[in-house]
Amino acid sequence: MRNLTKDEFRTYCLLFAADADFDITKQEIIAIGAKIDPEDFVRVYNWFEADNDMERVETIQANKTQFIKNEEDKQSLIKELKEVFFADGVFDSVEKSIFFMLKKVL
């Protein structure tokens, strides 16, 4: 588990969403890249890829209290997550399950 900055946390969550169907598409990377500094993206992507599924969830859970202070923070991140989920034009049942899990975790 890593202690993340706010931008790293956002990037990590967005990558989690993009990888929900085990395939991060070009459209999803573009959607994330439009919001994130390229250096932050590369650094966090490498961490994300090195972590297993359990470590990813633990990292999000461990860092959420630092960055999700109120309902507005949560809704803002959920909005960004939706943009990533819909970036490739597909929102299948696996992605829906991950989305609802993320909403509960956050």
N, C-alpha and C. Protein backbone atom coordinates (compact mmCIF):
# COMPACT_ATOMS: atom_id res chain seq x y z
N MET A 1 0.83 -1.18 0.00
CA MET A 1 0.00 0.00 0.00
C MET A 1 0.88 1.25 0.00
N ARG A 2 0.45 2.24 -0.74
CA ARG A 2 1.21 3.48 -0.86
C ARG A 2 0.43 4.64 -0.26
N ASN A 3 1.18 5.60 0.27
CA ASN A 3 0.58 6.87 0.67
C ASN A 3 0.70 7.80 -0.53
N LEU A 4 -0.44 8.26 -1.02
CA LEU A 4 -0.48 9.02 -2.25
C LEU A 4 -0.78 10.49 -2.01
N THR A 5 -0.36 11.33 -2.96
CA THR A 5 -0.80 12.72 -2.97
C THR A 5 -2.22 12.74 -3.55
N LYS A 6 -2.86 13.89 -3.51
CA LYS A 6 -4.22 13.98 -4.04
C LYS A 6 -4.27 13.64 -5.53
N ASP A 7 -3.36 14.19 -6.32
CA ASP A 7 -3.34 13.88 -7.75
C ASP A 7 -3.01 12.42 -8.02
N GLU A 8 -2.10 11.85 -7.24
CA GLU A 8 -1.78 10.44 -7.38
C GLU A 8 -2.99 9.57 -7.04
N PHE A 9 -3.73 9.96 -5.99
CA PHE A 9 -4.93 9.23 -5.61
C PHE A 9 -5.96 9.25 -6.73
N ARG A 10 -6.22 10.43 -7.28
CA ARG A 10 -7.16 10.55 -8.40
C ARG A 10 -6.73 9.67 -9.56
N THR A 11 -5.45 9.75 -9.91
CA THR A 11 -4.92 8.97 -11.02
C THR A 11 -5.09 7.48 -10.75
N TYR A 12 -4.77 7.05 -9.55
CA TYR A 12 -4.87 5.64 -9.17
C TYR A 12 -6.33 5.17 -9.30
N CYS A 13 -7.27 5.96 -8.81
CA CYS A 13 -8.70 5.61 -8.90
C CYS A 13 -9.14 5.55 -10.36
N LEU A 14 -8.72 6.50 -11.16
CA LEU A 14 -9.09 6.52 -12.57
C LEU A 14 -8.51 5.32 -13.31
N LEU A 15 -7.29 4.93 -12.97
CA LEU A 15 -6.70 3.74 -13.57
C LEU A 15 -7.46 2.48 -13.14
N PHE A 16 -7.89 2.46 -11.89
CA PHE A 16 -8.68 1.33 -11.40
C PHE A 16 -9.95 1.19 -12.23
N ALA A 17 -10.59 2.31 -12.51
CA ALA A 17 -11.79 2.30 -13.34
C ALA A 17 -11.47 1.84 -14.76
N ALA A 18 -10.41 2.36 -15.33
CA ALA A 18 -10.04 2.00 -16.70
C ALA A 18 -9.72 0.51 -16.83
N ASP A 19 -9.18 -0.06 -15.79
CA ASP A 19 -8.76 -1.47 -15.81
C ASP A 19 -9.86 -2.42 -15.36
N ALA A 20 -11.05 -1.92 -15.12
CA ALA A 20 -12.15 -2.75 -14.59
C ALA A 20 -12.43 -3.96 -15.46
N ASP A 21 -12.32 -3.78 -16.77
CA ASP A 21 -12.57 -4.90 -17.70
C ASP A 21 -11.27 -5.57 -18.14
N PHE A 22 -10.19 -5.30 -17.39
CA PHE A 22 -8.86 -5.88 -17.62
C PHE A 22 -8.24 -5.47 -18.95
N ASP A 23 -8.69 -4.31 -19.46
CA ASP A 23 -8.17 -3.80 -20.72
C ASP A 23 -8.25 -2.28 -20.71
N ILE A 24 -7.13 -1.63 -20.46
CA ILE A 24 -7.09 -0.17 -20.48
C ILE A 24 -6.94 0.25 -21.94
N THR A 25 -8.00 0.89 -22.47
CA THR A 25 -8.01 1.26 -23.88
C THR A 25 -7.32 2.61 -24.11
N LYS A 26 -7.03 2.87 -25.36
CA LYS A 26 -6.44 4.14 -25.75
C LYS A 26 -7.36 5.30 -25.35
N GLN A 27 -8.66 5.12 -25.55
CA GLN A 27 -9.63 6.17 -25.21
C GLN A 27 -9.62 6.45 -23.70
N GLU A 28 -9.49 5.40 -22.90
CA GLU A 28 -9.44 5.58 -21.44
C GLU A 28 -8.16 6.30 -21.01
N ILE A 29 -7.06 5.96 -21.64
CA ILE A 29 -5.79 6.65 -21.33
C ILE A 29 -5.89 8.12 -21.71
N ILE A 30 -6.50 8.41 -22.85
CA ILE A 30 -6.68 9.81 -23.26
C ILE A 30 -7.57 10.55 -22.27
N ALA A 31 -8.65 9.90 -21.83
CA ALA A 31 -9.56 10.52 -20.85
C ALA A 31 -8.84 10.83 -19.55
N ILE A 32 -8.00 9.92 -19.10
CA ILE A 32 -7.24 10.14 -17.86
C ILE A 32 -6.17 11.19 -18.11
N GLY A 33 -5.45 11.05 -19.21
CA GLY A 33 -4.36 11.96 -19.53
C GLY A 33 -4.78 13.41 -19.65
N ALA A 34 -6.04 13.64 -20.02
CA ALA A 34 -6.54 15.00 -20.14
C ALA A 34 -6.66 15.68 -18.78
N LYS A 35 -6.68 14.90 -17.71
CA LYS A 35 -6.88 15.43 -16.36
C LYS A 35 -5.62 15.40 -15.50
N ILE A 36 -4.61 14.67 -15.94
CA ILE A 36 -3.46 14.36 -15.09
C ILE A 36 -2.16 14.79 -15.75
N ASP A 37 -1.25 15.29 -14.95
CA ASP A 37 0.09 15.62 -15.42
C ASP A 37 0.75 14.35 -15.97
N PRO A 38 1.39 14.42 -17.15
CA PRO A 38 1.98 13.22 -17.76
C PRO A 38 2.99 12.49 -16.86
N GLU A 39 3.81 13.24 -16.14
CA GLU A 39 4.79 12.59 -15.25
C GLU A 39 4.09 11.85 -14.12
N ASP A 40 3.06 12.47 -13.55
CA ASP A 40 2.28 11.80 -12.50
C ASP A 40 1.63 10.54 -13.06
N PHE A 41 1.08 10.66 -14.26
CA PHE A 41 0.42 9.50 -14.87
C PHE A 41 1.38 8.33 -15.00
N VAL A 42 2.54 8.55 -15.56
CA VAL A 42 3.50 7.47 -15.78
C VAL A 42 3.93 6.84 -14.45
N ARG A 43 4.23 7.67 -13.47
CA ARG A 43 4.66 7.17 -12.16
C ARG A 43 3.56 6.31 -11.52
N VAL A 44 2.34 6.84 -11.50
CA VAL A 44 1.23 6.13 -10.87
C VAL A 44 0.86 4.88 -11.68
N TYR A 45 0.91 4.97 -12.99
CA TYR A 45 0.62 3.80 -13.82
C TYR A 45 1.58 2.66 -13.49
N ASN A 46 2.84 2.97 -13.32
CA ASN A 46 3.83 1.93 -12.98
C ASN A 46 3.53 1.32 -11.61
N TRP A 47 3.15 2.14 -10.64
CA TRP A 47 2.75 1.60 -9.33
C TRP A 47 1.53 0.70 -9.48
N PHE A 48 0.54 1.21 -10.20
CA PHE A 48 -0.72 0.50 -10.39
C PHE A 48 -0.46 -0.87 -11.02
N GLU A 49 0.35 -0.91 -12.04
CA GLU A 49 0.65 -2.17 -12.73
C GLU A 49 1.41 -3.14 -11.82
N ALA A 50 2.20 -2.63 -10.91
CA ALA A 50 2.97 -3.49 -10.00
C ALA A 50 2.11 -4.08 -8.89
N ASP A 51 0.97 -3.46 -8.60
CA ASP A 51 0.09 -3.91 -7.52
C ASP A 51 -0.88 -4.97 -8.02
N ASN A 52 -1.24 -5.89 -7.10
CA ASN A 52 -2.29 -6.85 -7.45
C ASN A 52 -3.65 -6.24 -7.09
N ASP A 53 -4.72 -6.94 -7.41
CA ASP A 53 -6.07 -6.40 -7.19
C ASP A 53 -6.32 -6.03 -5.73
N MET A 54 -5.90 -6.87 -4.81
CA MET A 54 -6.12 -6.60 -3.39
C MET A 54 -5.34 -5.36 -2.95
N GLU A 55 -4.10 -5.24 -3.39
CA GLU A 55 -3.29 -4.07 -3.04
C GLU A 55 -3.91 -2.79 -3.60
N ARG A 56 -4.51 -2.89 -4.77
CA ARG A 56 -5.15 -1.72 -5.38
C ARG A 56 -6.33 -1.25 -4.54
N VAL A 57 -7.18 -2.16 -4.13
CA VAL A 57 -8.32 -1.80 -3.29
C VAL A 57 -7.84 -1.26 -1.95
N GLU A 58 -6.84 -1.90 -1.36
CA GLU A 58 -6.30 -1.43 -0.08
C GLU A 58 -5.71 -0.03 -0.20
N THR A 59 -5.04 0.25 -1.30
CA THR A 59 -4.46 1.57 -1.51
C THR A 59 -5.56 2.63 -1.59
N ILE A 60 -6.62 2.33 -2.32
CA ILE A 60 -7.73 3.28 -2.42
C ILE A 60 -8.39 3.48 -1.06
N GLN A 61 -8.65 2.40 -0.36
CA GLN A 61 -9.28 2.51 0.96
C GLN A 61 -8.41 3.28 1.95
N ALA A 62 -7.12 3.02 1.93
CA ALA A 62 -6.21 3.66 2.88
C ALA A 62 -6.05 5.15 2.63
N ASN A 63 -6.19 5.58 1.39
CA ASN A 63 -5.97 6.98 1.06
C ASN A 63 -7.25 7.81 0.96
N LYS A 64 -8.40 7.17 0.88
CA LYS A 64 -9.64 7.90 0.64
C LYS A 64 -9.97 8.91 1.73
N THR A 65 -9.72 8.58 2.98
CA THR A 65 -10.10 9.50 4.06
C THR A 65 -9.29 10.80 4.00
N GLN A 66 -8.13 10.73 3.43
CA GLN A 66 -7.30 11.92 3.31
C GLN A 66 -7.83 12.87 2.23
N PHE A 67 -8.48 12.32 1.19
CA PHE A 67 -8.86 13.13 0.04
C PHE A 67 -10.36 13.23 -0.20
N ILE A 68 -11.13 12.35 0.37
CA ILE A 68 -12.59 12.41 0.25
C ILE A 68 -13.11 12.89 1.60
N LYS A 69 -13.23 14.19 1.72
CA LYS A 69 -13.60 14.81 2.99
C LYS A 69 -15.10 15.01 3.15
N ASN A 70 -15.81 15.08 2.01
CA ASN A 70 -17.24 15.35 2.08
C ASN A 70 -17.91 14.80 0.82
N GLU A 71 -19.22 14.95 0.76
CA GLU A 71 -19.99 14.42 -0.37
C GLU A 71 -19.58 15.09 -1.69
N GLU A 72 -19.23 16.35 -1.64
CA GLU A 72 -18.80 17.05 -2.86
C GLU A 72 -17.53 16.44 -3.43
N ASP A 73 -16.56 16.13 -2.57
CA ASP A 73 -15.33 15.48 -3.02
C ASP A 73 -15.64 14.13 -3.66
N LYS A 74 -16.51 13.37 -3.01
CA LYS A 74 -16.88 12.04 -3.50
C LYS A 74 -17.56 12.14 -4.86
N GLN A 75 -18.53 13.05 -4.99
CA GLN A 75 -19.27 13.18 -6.24
C GLN A 75 -18.36 13.67 -7.38
N SER A 76 -17.42 14.52 -7.06
CA SER A 76 -16.48 15.01 -8.07
C SER A 76 -15.65 13.85 -8.63
N LEU A 77 -15.15 12.99 -7.74
CA LEU A 77 -14.36 11.85 -8.19
C LEU A 77 -15.24 10.84 -8.94
N ILE A 78 -16.44 10.62 -8.47
CA ILE A 78 -17.36 9.70 -9.15
C ILE A 78 -17.64 10.19 -10.57
N LYS A 79 -17.79 11.50 -10.74
CA LYS A 79 -18.02 12.06 -12.07
C LYS A 79 -16.83 11.75 -12.99
N GLU A 80 -15.62 11.92 -12.47
CA GLU A 80 -14.43 11.60 -13.26
C GLU A 80 -14.36 10.11 -13.58
N LEU A 81 -14.73 9.28 -12.62
CA LEU A 81 -14.73 7.84 -12.85
C LEU A 81 -15.70 7.47 -13.97
N LYS A 82 -16.87 8.08 -13.97
CA LYS A 82 -17.87 7.83 -15.02
C LYS A 82 -17.30 8.19 -16.39
N GLU A 83 -16.60 9.30 -16.47
CA GLU A 83 -16.01 9.71 -17.74
C GLU A 83 -15.05 8.66 -18.27
N VAL A 84 -14.27 8.07 -17.37
CA VAL A 84 -13.33 7.02 -17.78
C VAL A 84 -14.09 5.75 -18.18
N PHE A 85 -15.07 5.37 -17.39
CA PHE A 85 -15.85 4.17 -17.72
C PHE A 85 -16.50 4.28 -19.11
N PHE A 86 -16.96 5.46 -19.48
CA PHE A 86 -17.66 5.64 -20.74
C PHE A 86 -16.73 6.08 -21.88
N ALA A 87 -15.45 6.27 -21.61
CA ALA A 87 -14.52 6.79 -22.61
C ALA A 87 -14.42 5.91 -23.85
N ASP A 88 -14.49 4.61 -23.67
CA ASP A 88 -14.36 3.71 -24.81
C ASP A 88 -15.71 3.31 -25.41
N GLY A 89 -16.79 3.92 -24.92
CA GLY A 89 -18.11 3.66 -25.46
C GLY A 89 -18.76 2.37 -24.97
N VAL A 90 -18.10 1.68 -24.04
CA VAL A 90 -18.62 0.42 -23.52
C VAL A 90 -18.70 0.52 -22.00
N PHE A 91 -19.83 0.08 -21.45
CA PHE A 91 -20.00 0.03 -19.99
C PHE A 91 -20.68 -1.30 -19.67
N ASP A 92 -19.86 -2.36 -19.70
CA ASP A 92 -20.41 -3.71 -19.56
C ASP A 92 -20.68 -4.07 -18.10
N SER A 93 -21.16 -5.27 -17.87
CA SER A 93 -21.56 -5.68 -16.52
C SER A 93 -20.38 -5.72 -15.54
N VAL A 94 -19.21 -6.09 -16.01
CA VAL A 94 -18.02 -6.09 -15.13
C VAL A 94 -17.69 -4.67 -14.71
N GLU A 95 -17.70 -3.74 -15.66
CA GLU A 95 -17.42 -2.34 -15.34
C GLU A 95 -18.47 -1.77 -14.40
N LYS A 96 -19.72 -2.13 -14.62
CA LYS A 96 -20.78 -1.67 -13.72
C LYS A 96 -20.54 -2.17 -12.29
N SER A 97 -20.15 -3.41 -12.16
CA SER A 97 -19.88 -3.97 -10.84
C SER A 97 -18.74 -3.23 -10.15
N ILE A 98 -17.68 -2.97 -10.89
CA ILE A 98 -16.53 -2.25 -10.32
C ILE A 98 -16.93 -0.82 -9.97
N PHE A 99 -17.74 -0.19 -10.82
CA PHE A 99 -18.19 1.17 -10.54
C PHE A 99 -18.98 1.23 -9.23
N PHE A 100 -19.91 0.31 -9.03
CA PHE A 100 -20.71 0.30 -7.81
C PHE A 100 -19.85 -0.03 -6.59
N MET A 101 -18.86 -0.91 -6.77
CA MET A 101 -17.94 -1.21 -5.68
C MET A 101 -17.13 0.03 -5.30
N LEU A 102 -16.64 0.75 -6.31
CA LEU A 102 -15.88 1.96 -6.05
C LEU A 102 -16.71 3.02 -5.34
N LYS A 103 -17.96 3.15 -5.75
CA LYS A 103 -18.85 4.11 -5.07
C LYS A 103 -18.99 3.77 -3.58
N LYS A 104 -19.08 2.50 -3.28
CA LYS A 104 -19.19 2.08 -1.87
C LYS A 104 -17.89 2.29 -1.12
N VAL A 105 -16.78 1.99 -1.76
CA VAL A 105 -15.46 2.14 -1.12
C VAL A 105 -15.17 3.61 -0.83
N LEU A 106 -15.56 4.48 -1.75
CA LEU A 106 -15.29 5.91 -1.58
C LEU A 106 -16.25 6.48 -0.58
